[in-house]
Structure formats: structure tokens, C-alpha cells
Amino acid sequence: MKKKDILVLSIGVFLTVIAWLVADIYHASTEQKVQTKIEVPTLDNYTISKDLLNVIRSKQE
């Protein structure tokens, strides 16, 4: 290859990379952000029975 061919190929690759970066930055700036709040469930009137604890202890042994 001649020097002129390498120069044209290099400029083409450079412009492709620049166009790709610009397109990626544009896409990132126009992308909608997901904004959701996760609510942690609460346990109301939580009780544990003695029978349940005894069953768990017996299974551990």
C-alpha cells in the first residue's frame, strides 16, 4: 500500500470512531432514566409461636 492509501484508510477509521462516540453520547443523553422507588414491606403484628420454635429446634438436632 502506498502512503496515500494508508492516510485515507486512517482518516476513514478516525472519522468512524468519532461518529460512533458522538452517536453513543447522544443516545446516552436522550435515554429515559428509570425512576422507581422500592417499598420495603413491613410486618404488622408479627408473632412467633413456641410450637414453631420447638419444631425448628428438633429439626436442627
PDB file of N, CA and C in Angstrom:
ATOM      1  N   MET A   1       0.845  -1.180   0.000  1.00  0.00           N
ATOM      2  CA  MET A   1       0.000   0.000   0.000  1.00  0.00           C
ATOM      3  C   MET A   1       0.887   1.238   0.000  1.00  0.00           C
ATOM      4  N   LYS A   2       0.370   2.224  -0.630  1.00  0.00           N
ATOM      5  CA  LYS A   2       1.106   3.486  -0.664  1.00  0.00           C
ATOM      6  C   LYS A   2       0.746   4.317   0.568  1.00  0.00           C
ATOM      7  N   LYS A   3       1.550   5.317   0.809  1.00  0.00           N
ATOM      8  CA  LYS A   3       1.319   6.181   1.970  1.00  0.00           C
ATOM      9  C   LYS A   3      -0.022   6.892   1.869  1.00  0.00           C
ATOM     10  N   LYS A   4      -0.418   7.247   0.639  1.00  0.00           N
ATOM     11  CA  LYS A   4      -1.681   7.952   0.459  1.00  0.00           C
ATOM     12  C   LYS A   4      -2.865   7.037   0.800  1.00  0.00           C
ATOM     13  N   ASP A   5      -2.765   5.756   0.445  1.00  0.00           N
ATOM     14  CA  ASP A   5      -3.825   4.802   0.765  1.00  0.00           C
ATOM     15  C   ASP A   5      -3.953   4.611   2.278  1.00  0.00           C
ATOM     16  N   ILE A   6      -2.822   4.513   2.938  1.00  0.00           N
ATOM     17  CA  ILE A   6      -2.833   4.356   4.401  1.00  0.00           C
ATOM     18  C   ILE A   6      -3.416   5.597   5.063  1.00  0.00           C
ATOM     19  N   LEU A   7      -3.105   6.778   4.548  1.00  0.00           N
ATOM     20  CA  LEU A   7      -3.644   8.023   5.104  1.00  0.00           C
ATOM     21  C   LEU A   7      -5.162   8.067   4.945  1.00  0.00           C
ATOM     22  N   VAL A   8      -5.668   7.704   3.786  1.00  0.00           N
ATOM     23  CA  VAL A   8      -7.123   7.707   3.549  1.00  0.00           C
ATOM     24  C   VAL A   8      -7.805   6.689   4.450  1.00  0.00           C
ATOM     25  N   LEU A   9      -7.225   5.516   4.587  1.00  0.00           N
ATOM     26  CA  LEU A   9      -7.783   4.492   5.467  1.00  0.00           C
ATOM     27  C   LEU A   9      -7.773   4.947   6.923  1.00  0.00           C
ATOM     28  N   SER A  10      -6.701   5.575   7.356  1.00  0.00           N
ATOM     29  CA  SER A  10      -6.604   6.066   8.737  1.00  0.00           C
ATOM     30  C   SER A  10      -7.628   7.155   9.016  1.00  0.00           C
ATOM     31  N   ILE A  11      -7.816   8.061   8.075  1.00  0.00           N
ATOM     32  CA  ILE A  11      -8.807   9.125   8.250  1.00  0.00           C
ATOM     33  C   ILE A  11     -10.212   8.534   8.299  1.00  0.00           C
ATOM     34  N   GLY A  12     -10.482   7.538   7.478  1.00  0.00           N
ATOM     35  CA  GLY A  12     -11.787   6.876   7.493  1.00  0.00           C
ATOM     36  C   GLY A  12     -12.076   6.209   8.824  1.00  0.00           C
ATOM     37  N   VAL A  13     -11.092   5.504   9.359  1.00  0.00           N
ATOM     38  CA  VAL A  13     -11.256   4.840  10.662  1.00  0.00           C
ATOM     39  C   VAL A  13     -11.438   5.886  11.756  1.00  0.00           C
ATOM     40  N   PHE A  14     -10.665   6.941  11.730  1.00  0.00           N
ATOM     41  CA  PHE A  14     -10.766   8.005  12.726  1.00  0.00           C
ATOM     42  C   PHE A  14     -12.156   8.639  12.706  1.00  0.00           C
ATOM     43  N   LEU A  15     -12.665   8.955  11.527  1.00  0.00           N
ATOM     44  CA  LEU A  15     -13.988   9.574  11.427  1.00  0.00           C
ATOM     45  C   LEU A  15     -15.090   8.610  11.871  1.00  0.00           C
ATOM     46  N   THR A  16     -14.915   7.331  11.596  1.00  0.00           N
ATOM     47  CA  THR A  16     -15.890   6.341  12.050  1.00  0.00           C
ATOM     48  C   THR A  16     -15.935   6.272  13.568  1.00  0.00           C
ATOM     49  N   VAL A  17     -14.773   6.276  14.202  1.00  0.00           N
ATOM     50  CA  VAL A  17     -14.716   6.226  15.672  1.00  0.00           C
ATOM     51  C   VAL A  17     -15.333   7.488  16.267  1.00  0.00           C
ATOM     52  N   ILE A  18     -15.059   8.638  15.698  1.00  0.00           N
ATOM     53  CA  ILE A  18     -15.627   9.895  16.202  1.00  0.00           C
ATOM     54  C   ILE A  18     -17.147   9.886  16.048  1.00  0.00           C
ATOM     55  N   ALA A  19     -17.651   9.427  14.899  1.00  0.00           N
ATOM     56  CA  ALA A  19     -19.102   9.360  14.680  1.00  0.00           C
ATOM     57  C   ALA A  19     -19.746   8.390  15.669  1.00  0.00           C
ATOM     58  N   TRP A  20     -19.088   7.288  15.945  1.00  0.00           N
ATOM     59  CA  TRP A  20     -19.599   6.315  16.889  1.00  0.00           C
ATOM     60  C   TRP A  20     -19.673   6.915  18.296  1.00  0.00           C
ATOM     61  N   LEU A  21     -18.649   7.625  18.713  1.00  0.00           N
ATOM     62  CA  LEU A  21     -18.654   8.262  20.030  1.00  0.00           C
ATOM     63  C   LEU A  21     -19.749   9.312  20.146  1.00  0.00           C
ATOM     64  N   VAL A  22     -19.919  10.120  19.118  1.00  0.00           N
ATOM     65  CA  VAL A  22     -20.954  11.152  19.138  1.00  0.00           C
ATOM     66  C   VAL A  22     -22.331  10.508  19.218  1.00  0.00           C
ATOM     67  N   ALA A  23     -22.559   9.448  18.449  1.00  0.00           N
ATOM     68  CA  ALA A  23     -23.848   8.757  18.479  1.00  0.00           C
ATOM     69  C   ALA A  23     -24.103   8.135  19.847  1.00  0.00           C
ATOM     70  N   ASP A  24     -23.080   7.570  20.473  1.00  0.00           N
ATOM     71  CA  ASP A  24     -23.233   6.962  21.791  1.00  0.00           C
ATOM     72  C   ASP A  24     -23.524   8.016  22.852  1.00  0.00           C
ATOM     73  N   ILE A  25     -22.849   9.141  22.797  1.00  0.00           N
ATOM     74  CA  ILE A  25     -23.101  10.230  23.752  1.00  0.00           C
ATOM     75  C   ILE A  25     -24.510  10.785  23.560  1.00  0.00           C
ATOM     76  N   TYR A  26     -24.943  10.939  22.326  1.00  0.00           N
ATOM     77  CA  TYR A  26     -26.301  11.426  22.059  1.00  0.00           C
ATOM     78  C   TYR A  26     -27.332  10.441  22.591  1.00  0.00           C
ATOM     79  N   HIS A  27     -27.113   9.160  22.366  1.00  0.00           N
ATOM     80  CA  HIS A  27     -28.047   8.147  22.849  1.00  0.00           C
ATOM     81  C   HIS A  27     -28.118   8.153  24.382  1.00  0.00           C
ATOM     82  N   ALA A  28     -26.981   8.285  25.033  1.00  0.00           N
ATOM     83  CA  ALA A  28     -26.950   8.293  26.499  1.00  0.00           C
ATOM     84  C   ALA A  28     -27.636   9.532  27.066  1.00  0.00           C
ATOM     85  N   SER A  29     -27.547  10.658  26.363  1.00  0.00           N
ATOM     86  CA  SER A  29     -28.161  11.875  26.890  1.00  0.00           C
ATOM     87  C   SER A  29     -29.663  11.916  26.653  1.00  0.00           C
ATOM     88  N   THR A  30     -30.164  11.213  25.640  1.00  0.00           N
ATOM     89  CA  THR A  30     -31.605  11.233  25.365  1.00  0.00           C
ATOM     90  C   THR A  30     -32.336  10.029  25.938  1.00  0.00           C
ATOM     91  N   GLU A  31     -31.613   9.101  26.526  1.00  0.00           N
ATOM     92  CA  GLU A  31     -32.237   7.901  27.082  1.00  0.00           C
ATOM     93  C   GLU A  31     -33.021   8.257  28.333  1.00  0.00           C
ATOM     94  N   GLN A  32     -34.213   7.680  28.449  1.00  0.00           N
ATOM     95  CA  GLN A  32     -35.042   7.946  29.618  1.00  0.00           C
ATOM     96  C   GLN A  32     -34.505   7.151  30.798  1.00  0.00           C
ATOM     97  N   LYS A  33     -34.437   7.807  31.924  1.00  0.00           N
ATOM     98  CA  LYS A  33     -33.954   7.172  33.135  1.00  0.00           C
ATOM     99  C   LYS A  33     -35.132   6.540  33.871  1.00  0.00           C
ATOM    100  N   VAL A  34     -34.921   5.368  34.409  1.00  0.00           N
ATOM    101  CA  VAL A  34     -35.948   4.674  35.167  1.00  0.00           C
ATOM    102  C   VAL A  34     -35.883   5.158  36.602  1.00  0.00           C
ATOM    103  N   GLN A  35     -36.989   5.694  37.069  1.00  0.00           N
ATOM    104  CA  GLN A  35     -37.026   6.205  38.430  1.00  0.00           C
ATOM    105  C   GLN A  35     -38.176   5.526  39.168  1.00  0.00           C
ATOM    106  N   THR A  36     -37.863   4.477  39.868  1.00  0.00           N
ATOM    107  CA  THR A  36     -38.864   3.773  40.659  1.00  0.00           C
ATOM    108  C   THR A  36     -38.360   3.658  42.081  1.00  0.00           C
ATOM    109  N   LYS A  37     -39.277   3.759  42.996  1.00  0.00           N
ATOM    110  CA  LYS A  37     -38.933   3.594  44.400  1.00  0.00           C
ATOM    111  C   LYS A  37     -39.383   2.206  44.837  1.00  0.00           C
ATOM    112  N   ILE A  38     -38.502   1.512  45.496  1.00  0.00           N
ATOM    113  CA  ILE A  38     -38.824   0.184  46.003  1.00  0.00           C
ATOM    114  C   ILE A  38     -39.277   0.338  47.449  1.00  0.00           C
ATOM    115  N   GLU A  39     -40.482  -0.128  47.690  1.00  0.00           N
ATOM    116  CA  GLU A  39     -41.018  -0.038  49.045  1.00  0.00           C
ATOM    117  C   GLU A  39     -40.781  -1.371  49.748  1.00  0.00           C
ATOM    118  N   VAL A  40     -40.163  -1.297  50.899  1.00  0.00           N
ATOM    119  CA  VAL A  40     -39.892  -2.487  51.686  1.00  0.00           C
ATOM    120  C   VAL A  40     -41.164  -2.859  52.444  1.00  0.00           C
ATOM    121  N   PRO A  41     -41.597  -4.102  52.316  1.00  0.00           N
ATOM    122  CA  PRO A  41     -42.818  -4.496  53.028  1.00  0.00           C
ATOM    123  C   PRO A  41     -42.580  -4.512  54.534  1.00  0.00           C
ATOM    124  N   THR A  42     -43.584  -4.154  55.263  1.00  0.00           N
ATOM    125  CA  THR A  42     -43.489  -4.158  56.724  1.00  0.00           C
ATOM    126  C   THR A  42     -44.335  -5.298  57.264  1.00  0.00           C
ATOM    127  N   LEU A  43     -43.892  -5.851  58.361  1.00  0.00           N
ATOM    128  CA  LEU A  43     -44.633  -6.930  59.006  1.00  0.00           C
ATOM    129  C   LEU A  43     -45.403  -6.346  60.188  1.00  0.00           C
ATOM    130  N   ASP A  44     -46.692  -6.331  60.065  1.00  0.00           N
ATOM    131  CA  ASP A  44     -47.534  -5.829  61.141  1.00  0.00           C
ATOM    132  C   ASP A  44     -47.997  -7.008  61.996  1.00  0.00           C
ATOM    133  N   ASN A  45     -47.984  -6.801  63.281  1.00  0.00           N
ATOM    134  CA  ASN A  45     -48.439  -7.813  64.246  1.00  0.00           C
ATOM    135  C   ASN A  45     -47.697  -9.136  64.061  1.00  0.00           C
ATOM    136  N   TYR A  46     -46.406  -9.053  64.042  1.00  0.00           N
ATOM    137  CA  TYR A  46     -45.573 -10.234  63.850  1.00  0.00           C
ATOM    138  C   TYR A  46     -45.436 -10.973  65.165  1.00  0.00           C
ATOM    139  N   THR A  47     -45.850 -12.228  65.166  1.00  0.00           N
ATOM    140  CA  THR A  47     -45.703 -13.071  66.359  1.00  0.00           C
ATOM    141  C   THR A  47     -45.167 -14.438  65.928  1.00  0.00           C
ATOM    142  N   ILE A  48     -44.478 -15.087  66.829  1.00  0.00           N
ATOM    143  CA  ILE A  48     -43.967 -16.425  66.567  1.00  0.00           C
ATOM    144  C   ILE A  48     -44.409 -17.313  67.725  1.00  0.00           C
ATOM    145  N   SER A  49     -44.833 -18.485  67.372  1.00  0.00           N
ATOM    146  CA  SER A  49     -45.357 -19.368  68.412  1.00  0.00           C
ATOM    147  C   SER A  49     -44.233 -20.238  68.982  1.00  0.00           C
ATOM    148  N   LYS A  50     -44.424 -20.664  70.192  1.00  0.00           N
ATOM    149  CA  LYS A  50     -43.447 -21.529  70.866  1.00  0.00           C
ATOM    150  C   LYS A  50     -43.392 -22.887  70.167  1.00  0.00           C
ATOM    151  N   ASP A  51     -44.518 -23.344  69.636  1.00  0.00           N
ATOM    152  CA  ASP A  51     -44.541 -24.636  68.950  1.00  0.00           C
ATOM    153  C   ASP A  51     -43.639 -24.604  67.713  1.00  0.00           C
ATOM    154  N   LEU A  52     -43.684 -23.513  67.001  1.00  0.00           N
ATOM    155  CA  LEU A  52     -42.841 -23.382  65.810  1.00  0.00           C
ATOM    156  C   LEU A  52     -41.362 -23.403  66.181  1.00  0.00           C
ATOM    157  N   LEU A  53     -41.003 -22.729  67.232  1.00  0.00           N
ATOM    158  CA  LEU A  53     -39.609 -22.741  67.690  1.00  0.00           C
ATOM    159  C   LEU A  53     -39.181 -24.142  68.096  1.00  0.00           C
ATOM    160  N   ASN A  54     -40.053 -24.880  68.747  1.00  0.00           N
ATOM    161  CA  ASN A  54     -39.715 -26.249  69.154  1.00  0.00           C
ATOM    162  C   ASN A  54     -39.526 -27.150  67.937  1.00  0.00           C
ATOM    163  N   VAL A  55     -40.324 -26.979  66.925  1.00  0.00           N
ATOM    164  CA  VAL A  55     -40.191 -27.793  65.703  1.00  0.00           C
ATOM    165  C   VAL A  55     -38.861 -27.477  65.025  1.00  0.00           C
ATOM    166  N   ILE A  56     -38.491 -26.222  64.974  1.00  0.00           N
ATOM    167  CA  ILE A  56     -37.220 -25.820  64.344  1.00  0.00           C
ATOM    168  C   ILE A  56     -36.056 -26.388  65.140  1.00  0.00           C
ATOM    169  N   ARG A  57     -36.115 -26.317  66.458  1.00  0.00           N
ATOM    170  CA  ARG A  57     -35.034 -26.869  67.290  1.00  0.00           C
ATOM    171  C   ARG A  57     -34.903 -28.371  67.102  1.00  0.00           C
ATOM    172  N   SER A  58     -36.019 -29.073  66.997  1.00  0.00           N
ATOM    173  CA  SER A  58     -35.964 -30.523  66.859  1.00  0.00           C
ATOM    174  C   SER A  58     -35.382 -30.924  65.498  1.00  0.00           C
ATOM    175  N   LYS A  59     -35.592 -30.113  64.468  1.00  0.00           N
ATOM    176  CA  LYS A  59     -35.051 -30.422  63.144  1.00  0.00           C
ATOM    177  C   LYS A  59     -33.543 -30.129  63.075  1.00  0.00           C
ATOM    178  N   GLN A  60     -33.057 -29.219  63.895  1.00  0.00           N
ATOM    179  CA  GLN A  60     -31.656 -28.903  63.901  1.00  0.00           C
ATOM    180  C   GLN A  60     -30.837 -29.993  64.587  1.00  0.00           C
ATOM    181  N   GLU A  61     -31.435 -30.701  65.473  1.00  0.00           N
ATOM    182  CA  GLU A  61     -30.707 -31.711  66.253  1.00  0.00           C
ATOM    183  C   GLU A  61     -30.577 -33.016  65.529  1.00  0.00           C
TER     184      GLU A  61
END
